[in-house]
Amino acid sequence: MDQRLRDLLAELTGSALHYHVAGFEERTDKEYGRLTLLEHKIAMMLNPLEGNHKELEQLIRQLISALSAGREAEVKFSRSSQSRYGPFAPDL
């Protein structure tokens, strides 16, 4: 896996965990914008023809979607962040 991709994934997952722990009320539009930017940077580095790349992209979308949904999605967020990829560690 490319080091830049690893860095972006670490930044995304670290930020997502911070926003989750800080609570729904504390998040700003700027923070959601940052997650979206990271999501798109990562997507541009993935190969849409490879299954594990598609799965990684779906997991990232689930993670961000769960964060956006607020408190009712806490279980969903936990499941997304504890997927079989740990913190997104497939051999891409």
PDB file of N, CA and C in Angstrom:
ATOM      1  N   MET A   1       0.868  -1.178   0.000  1.00  0.00           N
ATOM      2  CA  MET A   1       0.000   0.000   0.000  1.00  0.00           C
ATOM      3  C   MET A   1       0.905   1.228   0.000  1.00  0.00           C
ATOM      4  N   ASP A   2       0.547   2.188  -0.771  1.00  0.00           N
ATOM      5  CA  ASP A   2       1.266   3.446  -0.873  1.00  0.00           C
ATOM      6  C   ASP A   2       1.284   4.172   0.481  1.00  0.00           C
ATOM      7  N   GLN A   3       2.435   4.758   0.841  1.00  0.00           N
ATOM      8  CA  GLN A   3       2.554   5.436   2.135  1.00  0.00           C
ATOM      9  C   GLN A   3       1.590   6.612   2.242  1.00  0.00           C
ATOM     10  N   ARG A   4       1.366   7.337   1.158  1.00  0.00           N
ATOM     11  CA  ARG A   4       0.434   8.474   1.189  1.00  0.00           C
ATOM     12  C   ARG A   4      -0.981   7.989   1.503  1.00  0.00           C
ATOM     13  N   LEU A   5      -1.362   6.862   0.925  1.00  0.00           N
ATOM     14  CA  LEU A   5      -2.681   6.291   1.208  1.00  0.00           C
ATOM     15  C   LEU A   5      -2.780   5.900   2.682  1.00  0.00           C
ATOM     16  N   ARG A   6      -1.740   5.305   3.209  1.00  0.00           N
ATOM     17  CA  ARG A   6      -1.739   4.946   4.637  1.00  0.00           C
ATOM     18  C   ARG A   6      -1.892   6.187   5.507  1.00  0.00           C
ATOM     19  N   ASP A   7      -1.175   7.240   5.151  1.00  0.00           N
ATOM     20  CA  ASP A   7      -1.263   8.489   5.917  1.00  0.00           C
ATOM     21  C   ASP A   7      -2.675   9.055   5.894  1.00  0.00           C
ATOM     22  N   LEU A   8      -3.306   9.049   4.719  1.00  0.00           N
ATOM     23  CA  LEU A   8      -4.672   9.567   4.599  1.00  0.00           C
ATOM     24  C   LEU A   8      -5.660   8.715   5.397  1.00  0.00           C
ATOM     25  N   LEU A   9      -5.486   7.397   5.346  1.00  0.00           N
ATOM     26  CA  LEU A   9      -6.366   6.509   6.111  1.00  0.00           C
ATOM     27  C   LEU A   9      -6.183   6.726   7.616  1.00  0.00           C
ATOM     28  N   ALA A  10      -4.952   6.907   8.038  1.00  0.00           N
ATOM     29  CA  ALA A  10      -4.696   7.175   9.459  1.00  0.00           C
ATOM     30  C   ALA A  10      -5.324   8.496   9.877  1.00  0.00           C
ATOM     31  N   GLU A  11      -5.211   9.500   9.036  1.00  0.00           N
ATOM     32  CA  GLU A  11      -5.808  10.807   9.337  1.00  0.00           C
ATOM     33  C   GLU A  11      -7.329  10.709   9.394  1.00  0.00           C
ATOM     34  N   LEU A  12      -7.910  10.005   8.439  1.00  0.00           N
ATOM     35  CA  LEU A  12      -9.369   9.848   8.409  1.00  0.00           C
ATOM     36  C   LEU A  12      -9.877   9.102   9.636  1.00  0.00           C
ATOM     37  N   THR A  13      -9.270   7.964   9.944  1.00  0.00           N
ATOM     38  CA  THR A  13      -9.765   7.168  11.067  1.00  0.00           C
ATOM     39  C   THR A  13      -9.503   7.854  12.405  1.00  0.00           C
ATOM     40  N   GLY A  14      -8.365   8.520  12.519  1.00  0.00           N
ATOM     41  CA  GLY A  14      -8.080   9.259  13.747  1.00  0.00           C
ATOM     42  C   GLY A  14      -9.054  10.396  13.960  1.00  0.00           C
ATOM     43  N   SER A  15      -9.338  11.123  12.902  1.00  0.00           N
ATOM     44  CA  SER A  15     -10.296  12.225  12.992  1.00  0.00           C
ATOM     45  C   SER A  15     -11.696  11.712  13.286  1.00  0.00           C
ATOM     46  N   ALA A  16     -12.086  10.629  12.625  1.00  0.00           N
ATOM     47  CA  ALA A  16     -13.420  10.067  12.847  1.00  0.00           C
ATOM     48  C   ALA A  16     -13.577   9.618  14.301  1.00  0.00           C
ATOM     49  N   LEU A  17     -12.553   8.987  14.838  1.00  0.00           N
ATOM     50  CA  LEU A  17     -12.619   8.558  16.235  1.00  0.00           C
ATOM     51  C   LEU A  17     -12.717   9.768  17.166  1.00  0.00           C
ATOM     52  N   HIS A  18     -11.943  10.796  16.883  1.00  0.00           N
ATOM     53  CA  HIS A  18     -11.998  12.015  17.705  1.00  0.00           C
ATOM     54  C   HIS A  18     -13.394  12.629  17.660  1.00  0.00           C
ATOM     55  N   TYR A  19     -13.973  12.741  16.476  1.00  0.00           N
ATOM     56  CA  TYR A  19     -15.303  13.339  16.347  1.00  0.00           C
ATOM     57  C   TYR A  19     -16.350  12.487  17.048  1.00  0.00           C
ATOM     58  N   HIS A  20     -16.183  11.177  16.995  1.00  0.00           N
ATOM     59  CA  HIS A  20     -17.119  10.271  17.671  1.00  0.00           C
ATOM     60  C   HIS A  20     -17.044  10.456  19.188  1.00  0.00           C
ATOM     61  N   VAL A  21     -15.834  10.496  19.712  1.00  0.00           N
ATOM     62  CA  VAL A  21     -15.649  10.631  21.152  1.00  0.00           C
ATOM     63  C   VAL A  21     -16.085  12.015  21.641  1.00  0.00           C
ATOM     64  N   ALA A  22     -15.821  13.043  20.843  1.00  0.00           N
ATOM     65  CA  ALA A  22     -16.172  14.415  21.237  1.00  0.00           C
ATOM     66  C   ALA A  22     -17.680  14.608  21.331  1.00  0.00           C
ATOM     67  N   GLY A  23     -18.427  13.843  20.564  1.00  0.00           N
ATOM     68  CA  GLY A  23     -19.885  13.946  20.621  1.00  0.00           C
ATOM     69  C   GLY A  23     -20.462  14.700  19.449  1.00  0.00           C
ATOM     70  N   PHE A  24     -21.687  14.343  19.119  1.00  0.00           N
ATOM     71  CA  PHE A  24     -22.364  14.903  17.955  1.00  0.00           C
ATOM     72  C   PHE A  24     -22.504  16.420  18.050  1.00  0.00           C
ATOM     73  N   GLU A  25     -22.799  16.917  19.226  1.00  0.00           N
ATOM     74  CA  GLU A  25     -23.055  18.346  19.400  1.00  0.00           C
ATOM     75  C   GLU A  25     -21.819  19.201  19.161  1.00  0.00           C
ATOM     76  N   GLU A  26     -20.649  18.602  19.293  1.00  0.00           N
ATOM     77  CA  GLU A  26     -19.404  19.358  19.183  1.00  0.00           C
ATOM     78  C   GLU A  26     -18.854  19.431  17.761  1.00  0.00           C
ATOM     79  N   ARG A  27     -19.434  18.714  16.846  1.00  0.00           N
ATOM     80  CA  ARG A  27     -18.902  18.685  15.478  1.00  0.00           C
ATOM     81  C   ARG A  27     -19.366  19.891  14.668  1.00  0.00           C
ATOM     82  N   THR A  28     -18.479  20.358  13.801  1.00  0.00           N
ATOM     83  CA  THR A  28     -18.801  21.512  12.963  1.00  0.00           C
ATOM     84  C   THR A  28     -18.868  21.090  11.499  1.00  0.00           C
ATOM     85  N   ASP A  29     -19.442  21.968  10.681  1.00  0.00           N
ATOM     86  CA  ASP A  29     -19.476  21.706   9.240  1.00  0.00           C
ATOM     87  C   ASP A  29     -18.062  21.596   8.678  1.00  0.00           C
ATOM     88  N   LYS A  30     -17.150  22.382   9.225  1.00  0.00           N
ATOM     89  CA  LYS A  30     -15.761  22.333   8.770  1.00  0.00           C
ATOM     90  C   LYS A  30     -15.157  20.948   9.000  1.00  0.00           C
ATOM     91  N   GLU A  31     -15.482  20.340  10.145  1.00  0.00           N
ATOM     92  CA  GLU A  31     -14.965  19.005  10.444  1.00  0.00           C
ATOM     93  C   GLU A  31     -15.542  17.962   9.496  1.00  0.00           C
ATOM     94  N   TYR A  32     -16.833  18.052   9.197  1.00  0.00           N
ATOM     95  CA  TYR A  32     -17.430  17.133   8.226  1.00  0.00           C
ATOM     96  C   TYR A  32     -16.818  17.347   6.843  1.00  0.00           C
ATOM     97  N   GLY A  33     -16.566  18.599   6.521  1.00  0.00           N
ATOM     98  CA  GLY A  33     -15.929  18.905   5.243  1.00  0.00           C
ATOM     99  C   GLY A  33     -14.547  18.281   5.138  1.00  0.00           C
ATOM    100  N   ARG A  34     -13.824  18.290   6.236  1.00  0.00           N
ATOM    101  CA  ARG A  34     -12.488  17.697   6.262  1.00  0.00           C
ATOM    102  C   ARG A  34     -12.568  16.186   6.033  1.00  0.00           C
ATOM    103  N   LEU A  35     -13.529  15.526   6.675  1.00  0.00           N
ATOM    104  CA  LEU A  35     -13.698  14.092   6.465  1.00  0.00           C
ATOM    105  C   LEU A  35     -14.056  13.786   5.012  1.00  0.00           C
ATOM    106  N   THR A  36     -14.907  14.608   4.435  1.00  0.00           N
ATOM    107  CA  THR A  36     -15.301  14.410   3.037  1.00  0.00           C
ATOM    108  C   THR A  36     -14.107  14.593   2.105  1.00  0.00           C
ATOM    109  N   LEU A  37     -13.291  15.596   2.382  1.00  0.00           N
ATOM    110  CA  LEU A  37     -12.087  15.821   1.581  1.00  0.00           C
ATOM    111  C   LEU A  37     -11.158  14.608   1.670  1.00  0.00           C
ATOM    112  N   LEU A  38     -10.952  14.098   2.869  1.00  0.00           N
ATOM    113  CA  LEU A  38     -10.104  12.915   3.033  1.00  0.00           C
ATOM    114  C   LEU A  38     -10.694  11.712   2.302  1.00  0.00           C
ATOM    115  N   GLU A  39     -12.005  11.550   2.399  1.00  0.00           N
ATOM    116  CA  GLU A  39     -12.679  10.447   1.700  1.00  0.00           C
ATOM    117  C   GLU A  39     -12.408  10.517   0.198  1.00  0.00           C
ATOM    118  N   HIS A  40     -12.516  11.692  -0.359  1.00  0.00           N
ATOM    119  CA  HIS A  40     -12.327  11.842  -1.807  1.00  0.00           C
ATOM    120  C   HIS A  40     -10.858  11.697  -2.218  1.00  0.00           C
ATOM    121  N   LYS A  41      -9.947  12.166  -1.403  1.00  0.00           N
ATOM    122  CA  LYS A  41      -8.522  11.970  -1.700  1.00  0.00           C
ATOM    123  C   LYS A  41      -8.187  10.484  -1.725  1.00  0.00           C
ATOM    124  N   ILE A  42      -8.727   9.757  -0.752  1.00  0.00           N
ATOM    125  CA  ILE A  42      -8.503   8.313  -0.695  1.00  0.00           C
ATOM    126  C   ILE A  42      -9.128   7.626  -1.908  1.00  0.00           C
ATOM    127  N   ALA A  43     -10.354   8.001  -2.238  1.00  0.00           N
ATOM    128  CA  ALA A  43     -11.049   7.382  -3.381  1.00  0.00           C
ATOM    129  C   ALA A  43     -10.267   7.568  -4.679  1.00  0.00           C
ATOM    130  N   MET A  44      -9.609   8.707  -4.823  1.00  0.00           N
ATOM    131  CA  MET A  44      -8.835   8.963  -6.044  1.00  0.00           C
ATOM    132  C   MET A  44      -7.583   8.082  -6.132  1.00  0.00           C
ATOM    133  N   MET A  45      -7.181   7.505  -5.022  1.00  0.00           N
ATOM    134  CA  MET A  45      -5.993   6.648  -5.001  1.00  0.00           C
ATOM    135  C   MET A  45      -6.343   5.163  -5.168  1.00  0.00           C
ATOM    136  N   LEU A  46      -7.632   4.849  -5.139  1.00  0.00           N
ATOM    137  CA  LEU A  46      -8.063   3.458  -5.220  1.00  0.00           C
ATOM    138  C   LEU A  46      -8.374   3.046  -6.652  1.00  0.00           C
ATOM    139  N   ASN A  47      -8.283   1.767  -6.912  1.00  0.00           N
ATOM    140  CA  ASN A  47      -8.615   1.200  -8.209  1.00  0.00           C
ATOM    141  C   ASN A  47     -10.038   0.658  -8.136  1.00  0.00           C
ATOM    142  N   PRO A  48     -10.994   1.283  -8.833  1.00  0.00           N
ATOM    143  CA  PRO A  48     -12.394   0.852  -8.748  1.00  0.00           C
ATOM    144  C   PRO A  48     -12.657  -0.540  -9.320  1.00  0.00           C
ATOM    145  N   LEU A  49     -11.667  -1.123  -9.992  1.00  0.00           N
ATOM    146  CA  LEU A  49     -11.839  -2.455 -10.564  1.00  0.00           C
ATOM    147  C   LEU A  49     -11.436  -3.568  -9.596  1.00  0.00           C
ATOM    148  N   GLU A  50     -10.840  -3.206  -8.464  1.00  0.00           N
ATOM    149  CA  GLU A  50     -10.403  -4.203  -7.502  1.00  0.00           C
ATOM    150  C   GLU A  50     -11.388  -4.291  -6.338  1.00  0.00           C
ATOM    151  N   GLY A  51     -11.792  -5.520  -6.033  1.00  0.00           N
ATOM    152  CA  GLY A  51     -12.801  -5.751  -5.000  1.00  0.00           C
ATOM    153  C   GLY A  51     -12.435  -5.193  -3.639  1.00  0.00           C
ATOM    154  N   ASN A  52     -11.193  -5.397  -3.207  1.00  0.00           N
ATOM    155  CA  ASN A  52     -10.831  -4.909  -1.879  1.00  0.00           C
ATOM    156  C   ASN A  52     -10.773  -3.381  -1.836  1.00  0.00           C
ATOM    157  N   HIS A  53     -10.503  -2.749  -2.956  1.00  0.00           N
ATOM    158  CA  HIS A  53     -10.526  -1.292  -3.015  1.00  0.00           C
ATOM    159  C   HIS A  53     -11.964  -0.779  -2.914  1.00  0.00           C
ATOM    160  N   LYS A  54     -12.875  -1.468  -3.613  1.00  0.00           N
ATOM    161  CA  LYS A  54     -14.299  -1.100  -3.536  1.00  0.00           C
ATOM    162  C   LYS A  54     -14.814  -1.263  -2.107  1.00  0.00           C
ATOM    163  N   GLU A  55     -14.417  -2.358  -1.473  1.00  0.00           N
ATOM    164  CA  GLU A  55     -14.864  -2.618  -0.109  1.00  0.00           C
ATOM    165  C   GLU A  55     -14.333  -1.556   0.858  1.00  0.00           C
ATOM    166  N   LEU A  56     -13.092  -1.161   0.684  1.00  0.00           N
ATOM    167  CA  LEU A  56     -12.520  -0.108   1.523  1.00  0.00           C
ATOM    168  C   LEU A  56     -13.290   1.194   1.353  1.00  0.00           C
ATOM    169  N   GLU A  57     -13.612   1.532   0.122  1.00  0.00           N
ATOM    170  CA  GLU A  57     -14.377   2.754  -0.141  1.00  0.00           C
ATOM    171  C   GLU A  57     -15.762   2.689   0.516  1.00  0.00           C
ATOM    172  N   GLN A  58     -16.413   1.537   0.458  1.00  0.00           N
ATOM    173  CA  GLN A  58     -17.720   1.372   1.107  1.00  0.00           C
ATOM    174  C   GLN A  58     -17.612   1.508   2.625  1.00  0.00           C
ATOM    175  N   LEU A  59     -16.569   0.951   3.205  1.00  0.00           N
ATOM    176  CA  LEU A  59     -16.368   1.056   4.646  1.00  0.00           C
ATOM    177  C   LEU A  59     -16.155   2.501   5.076  1.00  0.00           C
ATOM    178  N   ILE A  60     -15.426   3.242   4.286  1.00  0.00           N
ATOM    179  CA  ILE A  60     -15.204   4.656   4.590  1.00  0.00           C
ATOM    180  C   ILE A  60     -16.528   5.412   4.527  1.00  0.00           C
ATOM    181  N   ARG A  61     -17.334   5.128   3.522  1.00  0.00           N
ATOM    182  CA  ARG A  61     -18.650   5.779   3.415  1.00  0.00           C
ATOM    183  C   ARG A  61     -19.539   5.439   4.611  1.00  0.00           C
ATOM    184  N   GLN A  62     -19.516   4.180   5.037  1.00  0.00           N
ATOM    185  CA  GLN A  62     -20.306   3.768   6.199  1.00  0.00           C
ATOM    186  C   GLN A  62     -19.839   4.500   7.453  1.00  0.00           C
ATOM    187  N   LEU A  63     -18.555   4.639   7.611  1.00  0.00           N
ATOM    188  CA  LEU A  63     -17.992   5.320   8.771  1.00  0.00           C
ATOM    189  C   LEU A  63     -18.454   6.767   8.821  1.00  0.00           C
ATOM    190  N   ILE A  64     -18.336   7.467   7.714  1.00  0.00           N
ATOM    191  CA  ILE A  64     -18.730   8.874   7.661  1.00  0.00           C
ATOM    192  C   ILE A  64     -20.241   9.015   7.799  1.00  0.00           C
ATOM    193  N   SER A  65     -20.986   8.112   7.187  1.00  0.00           N
ATOM    194  CA  SER A  65     -22.444   8.140   7.300  1.00  0.00           C
ATOM    195  C   SER A  65     -22.881   7.944   8.744  1.00  0.00           C
ATOM    196  N   ALA A  66     -22.246   7.020   9.436  1.00  0.00           N
ATOM    197  CA  ALA A  66     -22.588   6.772  10.834  1.00  0.00           C
ATOM    198  C   ALA A  66     -22.284   7.989  11.696  1.00  0.00           C
ATOM    199  N   LEU A  67     -21.184   8.656  11.425  1.00  0.00           N
ATOM    200  CA  LEU A  67     -20.851   9.874  12.176  1.00  0.00           C
ATOM    201  C   LEU A  67     -21.888  10.966  11.928  1.00  0.00           C
ATOM    202  N   SER A  68     -22.336  11.083  10.697  1.00  0.00           N
ATOM    203  CA  SER A  68     -23.301  12.123  10.329  1.00  0.00           C
ATOM    204  C   SER A  68     -24.667  11.888  10.951  1.00  0.00           C
ATOM    205  N   ALA A  69     -24.988  10.628  11.239  1.00  0.00           N
ATOM    206  CA  ALA A  69     -26.309  10.286  11.752  1.00  0.00           C
ATOM    207  C   ALA A  69     -26.497  10.623  13.229  1.00  0.00           C
ATOM    208  N   GLY A  70     -25.416  10.898  13.936  1.00  0.00           N
ATOM    209  CA  GLY A  70     -25.536  11.294  15.335  1.00  0.00           C
ATOM    210  C   GLY A  70     -25.613  10.126  16.289  1.00  0.00           C
ATOM    211  N   ARG A  71     -26.195  10.380  17.435  1.00  0.00           N
ATOM    212  CA  ARG A  71     -26.210   9.395  18.527  1.00  0.00           C
ATOM    213  C   ARG A  71     -26.873   8.074  18.153  1.00  0.00           C
ATOM    214  N   GLU A  72     -27.919   8.118  17.360  1.00  0.00           N
ATOM    215  CA  GLU A  72     -28.629   6.883  17.038  1.00  0.00           C
ATOM    216  C   GLU A  72     -27.770   5.932  16.212  1.00  0.00           C
ATOM    217  N   ALA A  73     -26.674   6.411  15.691  1.00  0.00           N
ATOM    218  CA  ALA A  73     -25.823   5.563  14.865  1.00  0.00           C
ATOM    219  C   ALA A  73     -24.549   5.130  15.574  1.00  0.00           C
ATOM    220  N   GLU A  74     -24.484   5.289  16.884  1.00  0.00           N
ATOM    221  CA  GLU A  74     -23.263   4.932  17.596  1.00  0.00           C
ATOM    222  C   GLU A  74     -22.883   3.467  17.405  1.00  0.00           C
ATOM    223  N   VAL A  75     -23.844   2.580  17.419  1.00  0.00           N
ATOM    224  CA  VAL A  75     -23.549   1.165  17.201  1.00  0.00           C
ATOM    225  C   VAL A  75     -23.038   0.960  15.788  1.00  0.00           C
ATOM    226  N   LYS A  76     -23.660   1.629  14.831  1.00  0.00           N
ATOM    227  CA  LYS A  76     -23.236   1.517  13.438  1.00  0.00           C
ATOM    228  C   LYS A  76     -21.796   2.000  13.293  1.00  0.00           C
ATOM    229  N   PHE A  77     -21.467   3.110  13.940  1.00  0.00           N
ATOM    230  CA  PHE A  77     -20.098   3.626  13.881  1.00  0.00           C
ATOM    231  C   PHE A  77     -19.123   2.615  14.467  1.00  0.00           C
ATOM    232  N   SER A  78     -19.465   2.066  15.595  1.00  0.00           N
ATOM    233  CA  SER A  78     -18.585   1.096  16.242  1.00  0.00           C
ATOM    234  C   SER A  78     -18.337  -0.104  15.343  1.00  0.00           C
ATOM    235  N   ARG A  79     -19.383  -0.586  14.702  1.00  0.00           N
ATOM    236  CA  ARG A  79     -19.224  -1.727  13.787  1.00  0.00           C
ATOM    237  C   ARG A  79     -18.352  -1.356  12.596  1.00  0.00           C
ATOM    238  N   SER A  80     -18.538  -0.145  12.047  1.00  0.00           N
ATOM    239  CA  SER A  80     -17.740   0.282  10.904  1.00  0.00           C
ATOM    240  C   SER A  80     -16.279   0.414  11.276  1.00  0.00           C
ATOM    241  N   SER A  81     -16.009   0.982  12.429  1.00  0.00           N
ATOM    242  CA  SER A  81     -14.622   1.213  12.822  1.00  0.00           C
ATOM    243  C   SER A  81     -13.925  -0.059  13.283  1.00  0.00           C
ATOM    244  N   GLN A  82     -14.697  -1.121  13.546  1.00  0.00           N
ATOM    245  CA  GLN A  82     -14.098  -2.385  13.972  1.00  0.00           C
ATOM    246  C   GLN A  82     -14.294  -3.462  12.913  1.00  0.00           C
ATOM    247  N   SER A  83     -14.315  -3.054  11.670  1.00  0.00           N
ATOM    248  CA  SER A  83     -14.513  -4.012  10.586  1.00  0.00           C
ATOM    249  C   SER A  83     -13.334  -4.977  10.516  1.00  0.00           C
ATOM    250  N   ARG A  84     -13.424  -5.893   9.599  1.00  0.00           N
ATOM    251  CA  ARG A  84     -12.349  -6.874   9.462  1.00  0.00           C
ATOM    252  C   ARG A  84     -11.062  -6.212   9.014  1.00  0.00           C
ATOM    253  N   TYR A  85     -11.117  -4.958   8.600  1.00  0.00           N
ATOM    254  CA  TYR A  85      -9.915  -4.248   8.192  1.00  0.00           C
ATOM    255  C   TYR A  85      -9.261  -3.496   9.327  1.00  0.00           C
ATOM    256  N   GLY A  86      -9.733  -3.718  10.559  1.00  0.00           N
ATOM    257  CA  GLY A  86      -9.133  -2.951  11.655  1.00  0.00           C
ATOM    258  C   GLY A  86      -9.195  -1.502  11.258  1.00  0.00           C
ATOM    259  N   PRO A  87      -8.114  -0.788  11.406  1.00  0.00           N
ATOM    260  CA  PRO A  87      -8.142   0.583  10.880  1.00  0.00           C
ATOM    261  C   PRO A  87      -7.749   0.571   9.407  1.00  0.00           C
ATOM    262  N   PHE A  88      -8.502  -0.121   8.577  1.00  0.00           N
ATOM    263  CA  PHE A  88      -8.306  -0.151   7.124  1.00  0.00           C
ATOM    264  C   PHE A  88      -6.921  -0.640   6.760  1.00  0.00           C
ATOM    265  N   ALA A  89      -6.628  -1.876   7.071  1.00  0.00           N
ATOM    266  CA  ALA A  89      -5.288  -2.383   6.845  1.00  0.00           C
ATOM    267  C   ALA A  89      -5.169  -3.478   5.794  1.00  0.00           C
ATOM    268  N   PRO A  90      -5.970  -3.479   4.748  1.00  0.00           N
ATOM    269  CA  PRO A  90      -5.776  -4.524   3.747  1.00  0.00           C
ATOM    270  C   PRO A  90      -4.490  -4.279   2.971  1.00  0.00           C
ATOM    271  N   ASP A  91      -4.020  -5.298   2.321  1.00  0.00           N
ATOM    272  CA  ASP A  91      -2.829  -5.155   1.495  1.00  0.00           C
ATOM    273  C   ASP A  91      -3.258  -4.642   0.135  1.00  0.00           C
ATOM    274  N   LEU A  92      -3.340  -3.319  -0.007  1.00  0.00           N
ATOM    275  CA  LEU A  92      -3.801  -2.724  -1.260  1.00  0.00           C
ATOM    276  C   LEU A  92      -2.630  -2.572  -2.163  1.00  0.00           C
TER     277      LEU A  92
END
